Protein backbone atom coordinates (compact mmCIF):
# COMPACT_ATOMS: atom_id res chain seq x y z
CA MET A 1 129.86 108.53 120.08
CA LEU A 2 127.49 107.93 123.00
CA LYS A 3 129.17 106.35 125.99
CA LEU A 4 127.62 103.42 127.81
CA PRO A 5 129.66 101.10 130.03
CA ILE A 6 129.02 97.37 130.16
CA PRO A 7 126.86 96.81 133.27
CA GLU A 8 128.43 94.98 136.21
CA LYS A 9 125.38 92.76 136.45
CA GLY A 10 123.64 91.65 133.31
CA LEU A 11 119.93 92.21 132.70
CA GLY A 12 119.22 88.65 131.63
CA GLU A 13 115.82 88.15 129.98
CA ASP A 14 114.79 91.64 131.10
CA VAL A 15 116.91 93.03 128.29
CA LEU A 16 114.04 92.14 125.95
CA LYS A 17 111.74 94.53 127.85
CA VAL A 18 114.30 97.30 127.42
CA ILE A 19 114.67 96.51 123.72
CA ALA A 20 110.87 96.54 123.28
CA GLU A 21 110.66 100.02 124.83
CA LEU A 22 113.55 101.32 122.74
CA SER A 23 111.87 99.97 119.60
CA LYS A 24 108.88 102.25 120.20
CA GLU A 25 111.08 105.34 119.80
CA GLU A 26 111.39 105.12 116.02
CA PRO A 27 109.32 104.19 112.95
CA LYS A 28 109.42 100.77 111.34
CA LEU A 29 109.68 99.82 107.70
CA GLY A 30 106.13 99.16 106.60
CA ASP A 31 104.49 101.64 108.96
CA ARG A 32 101.48 103.40 107.42
CA LYS A 33 103.39 106.64 106.80
CA SER A 34 106.67 105.02 105.71
CA LEU A 35 106.86 105.97 102.03
CA GLY A 36 110.52 106.79 101.46
CA PRO A 37 112.41 103.51 101.74
CA MET A 38 112.42 100.87 99.02
CA MET A 39 111.42 98.37 101.69
CA SER A 40 108.27 97.25 103.45
CA LYS A 41 107.35 95.15 106.44
CA PRO A 42 108.86 91.72 105.77
CA ASN A 43 106.47 88.84 105.20
CA PRO A 44 106.20 87.02 108.59
CA THR A 45 106.61 83.63 106.89
CA LEU A 46 109.89 84.77 105.37
CA VAL A 47 111.06 86.06 108.74
CA LYS A 48 110.48 82.57 110.14
CA ALA A 49 112.46 81.07 107.26
CA PHE A 50 115.34 83.41 108.05
CA ILE A 51 115.29 82.54 111.75
CA GLU A 52 115.16 78.79 111.00
CA PHE A 53 118.55 79.01 109.25
CA LEU A 54 119.98 81.89 111.25
CA ASP A 55 122.52 79.74 113.08
CA ARG A 56 124.22 78.20 110.00
CA ASN A 57 127.29 79.57 108.24
CA LEU A 58 126.52 79.67 104.53
CA ASN A 59 130.21 79.86 103.66
CA ASP A 60 130.87 76.48 105.28
CA TYR A 61 129.11 74.46 102.61
CA VAL A 62 130.86 71.24 103.60
CA ARG A 63 129.12 71.22 106.97
CA PHE A 64 125.89 73.01 106.06
CA LYS A 65 124.91 71.22 102.88
CA THR A 66 121.19 71.99 103.06
CA SER A 67 121.88 75.70 103.50
CA TRP A 68 124.18 75.57 100.47
CA ARG A 69 121.53 73.74 98.43
CA LEU A 70 118.93 76.40 99.25
CA ALA A 71 121.38 79.08 98.09
CA GLN A 72 122.09 77.25 94.84
CA GLU A 73 118.41 76.67 94.14
CA ALA A 74 117.55 80.32 94.81
CA LEU A 75 120.37 81.41 92.49
CA SER A 76 119.18 78.95 89.85
CA MET A 77 115.66 80.40 89.92
CA LEU A 78 117.04 83.93 89.53
CA CYS A 79 119.44 82.90 86.77
CA GLU A 80 116.56 81.45 84.79
CA LEU A 81 114.54 84.63 85.32
CA PHE A 82 117.38 86.73 83.91
CA ASN A 83 118.14 84.45 80.95
CA GLY A 84 121.50 83.26 82.23
CA ARG A 85 122.28 79.97 80.46
CA LYS A 86 125.71 79.61 82.10
CA CYS A 87 124.86 81.83 85.06
CA ASP A 88 126.14 81.34 88.60
CA GLY A 89 126.43 83.61 91.61
CA ILE A 90 126.45 84.09 95.36
CA ILE A 91 123.99 85.05 98.04
CA THR A 92 124.87 88.44 99.54
CA TYR A 93 123.67 90.72 102.30
CA GLY A 94 122.20 93.14 99.76
CA GLY A 95 122.93 95.62 97.01
CA SER A 96 125.96 97.29 98.58
CA GLU A 97 127.83 94.01 98.98
CA SER A 98 126.67 92.86 95.54
CA ASN A 99 127.94 96.07 93.94
CA LEU A 100 131.27 95.87 95.76
CA THR A 101 131.71 92.26 94.68
CA GLY A 102 130.62 92.93 91.10
CA LEU A 103 133.14 95.76 90.79
CA TYR A 104 135.84 93.61 92.42
CA ILE A 105 135.29 91.04 89.66
CA LEU A 106 135.59 93.75 87.01
CA ARG A 107 138.84 94.89 88.59
CA GLU A 108 140.14 91.32 88.50
CA VAL A 109 139.53 91.14 84.73
CA GLY A 110 141.56 94.32 84.20
CA VAL A 111 139.09 97.17 84.68
CA LYS A 112 140.67 100.28 86.21
CA HIS A 113 138.22 102.97 85.06
CA LEU A 114 134.46 102.88 85.67
CA LEU A 115 131.90 104.72 83.58
CA VAL A 116 129.16 105.61 86.06
CA PRO A 117 126.00 107.71 85.53
CA LYS A 118 125.37 110.59 87.92
CA SER A 119 122.26 108.76 89.09
CA ALA A 120 124.13 105.67 90.35
CA HIS A 121 123.64 104.56 93.94
CA THR A 122 126.08 105.83 96.56
CA SER A 123 127.29 102.26 97.15
CA VAL A 124 128.77 102.22 93.62
CA PHE A 125 130.96 105.23 94.33
CA LYS A 126 131.87 103.80 97.73
CA ALA A 127 132.89 100.47 96.17
CA ALA A 128 134.97 102.22 93.52
CA LYS A 129 136.81 104.16 96.22
CA ILE A 130 137.49 101.02 98.25
CA LEU A 131 138.80 99.24 95.14
CA GLN A 132 140.79 102.30 93.99
CA MET A 133 139.01 102.37 90.63
CA LYS A 134 138.70 105.74 88.92
CA THR A 135 135.11 106.81 88.21
CA LEU A 136 134.25 108.59 84.96
CA VAL A 137 130.89 110.16 85.76
CA PHE A 138 128.58 110.85 82.82
CA ASP A 139 125.33 112.76 82.43
CA VAL A 140 121.72 111.61 82.64
CA ASP A 141 118.49 112.69 80.95
CA SER A 142 115.51 114.46 82.54
CA LYS A 143 114.33 111.19 84.11
CA LEU A 144 117.86 110.43 85.40
CA ARG A 145 118.52 107.66 82.87
CA GLY A 146 122.13 107.29 81.77
CA ASP A 147 122.96 109.20 78.59
CA VAL A 148 124.83 107.06 76.05
CA ASN A 149 126.43 109.97 74.18
CA SER A 150 127.77 111.47 77.38
CA ALA A 151 129.27 108.10 78.32
CA LEU A 152 130.91 107.83 74.90
CA ARG A 153 132.54 111.23 75.38
CA LYS A 154 133.93 110.07 78.72
CA LEU A 155 135.15 106.83 77.13
CA ARG A 156 137.27 108.82 74.67
CA GLU A 157 139.20 110.28 77.61
CA VAL A 158 140.74 106.85 78.32
CA ASN A 159 143.70 105.68 76.25
CA ASN A 160 143.17 101.98 76.95
CA VAL A 161 139.50 101.11 76.35
CA GLY A 162 140.24 97.60 77.61
CA SER A 163 140.66 99.05 81.12
CA VAL A 164 137.11 100.45 81.22
CA GLY A 165 133.99 98.98 82.82
CA LEU A 166 130.45 100.31 83.03
CA VAL A 167 127.90 100.41 85.86
CA LEU A 168 124.23 100.88 84.98
CA THR A 169 121.11 100.89 87.13
CA VAL A 170 117.78 99.15 86.73
CA GLY A 171 115.50 101.22 88.95
CA ASN A 172 117.56 104.05 90.38
CA THR A 173 116.99 105.42 93.87
CA GLU A 174 115.55 108.82 92.96
CA THR A 175 113.06 108.14 90.15
CA GLY A 176 113.14 104.38 89.56
CA ALA A 177 114.49 105.03 86.06
CA VAL A 178 115.89 102.14 84.04
CA ASP A 179 119.16 102.77 82.21
CA PRO A 180 119.05 101.60 78.55
CA VAL A 181 121.57 98.79 79.05
CA LYS A 182 121.27 97.33 75.55
CA ASP A 183 121.82 100.76 73.95
CA PHE A 184 125.07 101.11 75.89
CA HIS A 185 126.15 97.62 74.80
CA GLU A 186 125.52 98.42 71.16
CA GLU A 187 127.65 101.56 71.34
CA MET A 188 130.49 100.04 73.39
CA PRO A 189 130.21 96.25 72.98
CA ASP A 190 133.63 95.46 74.47
CA VAL A 191 133.01 97.27 77.76
CA PRO A 192 131.88 94.87 80.53
CA ILE A 193 128.76 95.95 82.43
CA HIS A 194 127.71 95.51 86.02
CA VAL A 195 123.97 96.06 86.43
CA ASP A 196 122.81 97.41 89.78
CA GLY A 197 119.36 95.86 89.82
CA ALA A 198 118.94 95.79 93.60
CA TYR A 199 115.54 97.48 93.38
CA GLY A 200 114.19 97.06 89.87
CA ALA A 201 115.64 93.89 88.37
CA ILE A 202 113.17 91.55 90.04
CA LEU A 203 110.19 93.70 88.99
CA ILE A 204 110.80 93.96 85.27
CA PRO A 205 110.41 90.34 84.06
CA PHE A 206 106.99 90.17 85.72
CA LEU A 207 105.86 93.62 84.59
CA GLU A 208 106.95 92.73 81.05
CA GLY A 209 104.77 89.64 81.33
CA LEU A 210 101.86 92.02 81.95
CA GLY A 211 102.56 93.92 78.74
CA ARG A 212 104.82 96.74 79.94
CA LYS A 213 107.92 97.58 77.91
CA TYR A 214 111.42 98.06 79.34
CA PRO A 215 114.95 98.21 77.92
CA GLU A 216 116.68 94.84 77.79
CA PHE A 217 119.15 94.58 80.67
CA ASP A 218 119.78 90.94 81.59
CA PHE A 219 122.17 88.24 80.35
CA ARG A 220 120.69 88.42 76.85
CA VAL A 221 122.90 91.52 76.58
CA GLU A 222 126.28 89.97 75.85
CA SER A 223 128.45 92.48 77.73
CA VAL A 224 126.50 92.19 80.99
CA PHE A 225 128.87 90.46 83.42
CA SER A 226 126.85 90.70 86.62
CA ILE A 227 123.47 91.69 88.05
CA SER A 228 122.64 92.52 91.66
CA VAL A 229 119.19 91.65 93.05
CA ASP A 230 117.83 92.34 96.54
CA GLY A 231 115.43 90.13 98.44
CA HIS A 232 114.73 92.65 101.19
CA LYS A 233 113.16 95.14 98.79
CA ASN A 234 110.46 93.81 96.48
CA LEU A 235 110.63 90.16 97.57
CA LEU A 236 109.69 91.17 101.15
CA THR A 237 112.40 89.19 102.93
CA PRO A 238 113.91 90.52 106.15
CA ILE A 239 117.19 92.41 105.94
CA PRO A 240 119.77 91.25 104.90
CA SER A 241 119.12 89.23 101.77
CA GLY A 242 120.36 89.65 98.21
CA ALA A 243 122.18 87.97 95.36
CA LEU A 244 124.90 88.71 92.84
CA LEU A 245 124.36 86.86 89.57
CA LEU A 246 127.29 86.25 87.21
CA LYS A 247 127.06 85.51 83.48
CA ASP A 248 129.49 82.59 83.72
CA LYS A 249 130.82 80.24 86.41
CA SER A 250 134.39 81.23 85.50
CA LEU A 251 133.73 84.65 87.04
CA LEU A 252 132.87 82.94 90.31
CA GLU A 253 136.45 81.68 90.53
CA LEU A 254 137.62 85.30 90.72
CA ILE A 255 136.00 85.57 94.16
CA ALA A 256 137.14 82.15 95.38
CA PHE A 257 139.52 82.21 98.34
CA LYS A 258 141.31 79.42 100.15
CA ALA A 259 140.04 78.45 103.58
CA THR A 260 142.79 76.12 104.71
CA TYR A 261 141.03 74.98 107.87
CA PHE A 262 138.05 73.58 105.90
CA LEU A 263 138.44 69.85 105.34
CA GLY A 264 137.17 68.34 102.11
CA GLU A 265 136.78 71.65 100.24
CA ASP A 266 139.09 74.58 100.81
CA LYS A 267 137.32 77.25 98.75
CA GLN A 268 135.14 80.02 100.08
CA TYR A 269 133.25 82.36 97.73
CA GLY A 270 132.63 86.08 98.14
CA LEU A 271 134.20 88.95 100.03
CA LEU A 272 132.65 88.13 103.39
CA TRP A 273 133.64 85.19 105.55
CA SER A 274 131.02 84.11 108.05
CA ARG A 275 127.56 84.58 106.57
CA SER A 276 124.19 83.58 108.02
CA ALA A 277 122.36 81.03 105.89
CA GLY A 278 119.17 82.84 106.87
CA SER A 279 119.76 85.18 103.93
CA ALA A 280 119.67 82.26 101.50
CA ALA A 281 116.76 80.49 103.18
CA THR A 282 114.51 83.56 103.19
CA LEU A 283 115.30 84.38 99.53
CA TRP A 284 114.53 80.78 98.52
CA ALA A 285 111.36 80.88 100.64
CA SER A 286 110.17 84.12 99.01
CA LEU A 287 110.47 82.76 95.47
CA MET A 288 108.69 79.56 96.51
CA TYR A 289 106.04 81.35 98.63
CA TYR A 290 104.86 83.75 95.93
CA GLY A 291 105.72 81.88 92.75
CA LYS A 292 105.46 83.62 89.39
CA GLU A 293 101.71 84.20 89.72
CA GLY A 294 102.00 85.76 93.16
CA LEU A 295 104.86 88.05 92.17
CA SER A 296 103.06 89.14 89.00
CA LYS A 297 99.96 90.04 90.99
CA MET A 298 101.89 91.90 93.70
CA PHE A 299 103.95 93.92 91.23
CA ALA A 300 100.89 94.70 89.09
CA ASP A 301 99.19 96.07 92.21
CA LEU A 302 102.23 98.24 92.96
CA MET A 303 102.13 99.77 89.48
CA ARG A 304 98.37 100.33 89.69
CA LEU A 305 98.82 102.23 92.95
CA THR A 306 101.75 104.14 91.49
CA GLU A 307 99.59 105.33 88.61
CA TYR A 308 96.82 106.22 91.06
CA ALA A 309 99.26 108.34 93.10
CA TYR A 310 100.65 109.92 89.91
CA ASP A 311 97.17 110.96 88.80
CA ARG A 312 96.28 112.33 92.25
CA LEU A 313 99.49 114.35 92.52
CA THR A 314 99.30 115.81 89.03
CA SER A 315 95.63 116.75 89.53
CA GLU A 316 96.66 118.78 92.58
CA GLY A 317 99.25 120.77 90.66
CA PHE A 318 102.39 118.81 91.49
CA GLU A 319 105.04 118.27 88.84
CA VAL A 320 105.70 114.51 88.78
CA VAL A 321 108.25 112.46 86.87
CA GLU A 322 106.33 109.88 84.87
CA PRO A 323 107.13 106.56 86.61
CA GLU A 324 108.72 103.52 85.01
CA LEU A 325 108.63 101.51 88.25
CA PRO A 326 106.77 102.03 91.58
CA ILE A 327 108.69 105.21 92.53
CA LEU A 328 107.45 108.79 92.26
CA CYS A 329 109.51 111.98 92.32
CA PHE A 330 107.45 115.16 92.60
CA LYS A 331 107.66 118.86 93.47
CA HIS A 332 105.51 121.98 93.61
CA ASP A 333 106.31 125.46 92.33
CA ARG A 334 104.99 127.13 95.50
CA LEU A 335 107.42 125.56 97.96
CA SER A 336 110.95 124.14 97.88
CA TYR A 337 111.24 120.39 98.26
CA LEU A 338 113.19 120.90 101.48
CA LYS A 339 110.29 122.86 102.97
CA ILE A 340 107.78 120.22 101.86
CA TRP A 341 109.98 117.47 103.29
CA SER A 342 110.28 119.30 106.61
CA LYS A 343 106.52 119.80 106.91
CA LEU A 344 105.78 116.18 105.99
CA ASN A 345 108.31 115.06 108.58
CA GLU A 346 106.52 117.13 111.23
CA LEU A 347 103.29 115.36 110.31
CA GLY A 348 104.91 111.94 110.76
CA TRP A 349 105.52 111.06 107.11
CA TYR A 350 108.74 109.17 106.44
CA VAL A 351 109.67 110.26 102.91
CA TYR A 352 112.92 110.70 101.01
CA SER A 353 114.04 113.24 98.45
CA CYS A 354 115.09 113.09 94.82
CA PRO A 355 117.68 115.87 95.18
CA SER A 356 118.90 115.78 91.58
CA LEU A 357 115.45 117.04 90.56
CA GLU A 358 114.81 118.99 93.78
CA GLY A 359 111.77 116.89 94.61
CA ILE A 360 110.18 114.53 97.12
CA LYS A 361 110.48 110.80 96.49
CA ILE A 362 108.03 108.11 97.57
CA THR A 363 108.19 104.38 96.93
CA ILE A 364 104.98 102.41 96.51
CA MET A 365 105.44 99.19 98.48
CA PRO A 366 102.91 96.49 99.47
CA HIS A 367 101.93 98.25 102.71
CA VAL A 368 100.79 101.33 100.75
CA SER A 369 97.09 101.66 99.88
CA GLU A 370 94.85 104.19 98.15
CA GLU A 371 93.79 105.37 101.60
CA VAL A 372 97.41 106.10 102.53
CA ILE A 373 97.98 107.94 99.24
CA ASP A 374 94.81 109.99 99.79
CA ALA A 375 95.98 110.92 103.30
CA LEU A 376 99.35 112.01 101.95
CA ILE A 377 97.68 114.14 99.26
CA GLN A 378 95.49 115.82 101.88
CA ASP A 379 98.53 116.77 103.96
CA LEU A 380 100.42 117.95 100.88
CA LYS A 381 97.51 120.20 99.90
CA LYS A 382 97.52 121.77 103.37
CA ILE A 383 101.29 122.31 103.19
CA VAL A 384 101.35 124.04 99.81
CA ASN A 385 98.25 126.15 100.57
CA GLN A 386 99.46 127.44 103.96
């Protein structure tokens, strides 16, 4: 830990000058060469919406009724999108909190063992550890989609099937793969499912509307208990903003806690206590700002650019996982992915890896253009031909 004492005399407004200088020392989400994260520069209008409601506590819905209404309306829009007739939920600070809360609910209904694909996000394993739930990790296919037969073999290891839950991902971190949620339901219909849709869930309904095909994953699948959705990924809100959607309001009562000092209503929902209403306001604002037409256009553009990048990479001799969503995992037989990553880093590119496939991972977000992809390809060609 770096040591810095509290100054005897405060800096006052000059602290903003110091912060501005410190900010220059590192890249920002949405910079031209930022291709790794599943995030972009937030929409300035949505930043303003967040700031407008920054100083309200969303968990005090007796006092902050407008903030609460914005949360409920945002949740209602998402519930409709994911075919939840009796759906309810909470606003969260993002996928990690949503996953923790979703697994907490499963634990409260008797789940002690979690079937989890190898490709699941780290936050799932972290949540399971916090909640002292045993993970039964099963295999994935070549695109990192969960393998149903492998999960069934793991399920047979448990004496009490009623103590088992399942976590599946819609748009995993390494390849953007979509687990076949409905296939899992058909093979193990009594096992409740939490869907980690932090990245991909919001994309699929709109991409399906454009004629693309994906496995069914939402509340039409009877055993789906909960779905996580992030605002600060594809909805371009500032961090933090997300939602956990629940198939039925009764599940919401499992995360209701007494707040005895609240007058009029003594319930508080979720695992956090104080929570900025900015997260709800910016999520609501995003859905209203873009509307269905705007989101369809934006997501169609992302897939068009993804296919452009796929074609460019394959034409230059890279092995690329065929994308389902706007994420590409690629490698080259001349150099290890670690060497490629290191060289790209030296050239200022902010990329991630897809270590399960020993490749480089890029995410196509709204700040990415054909010109940026072309520049990346040029640098990659230099690296592999050195």
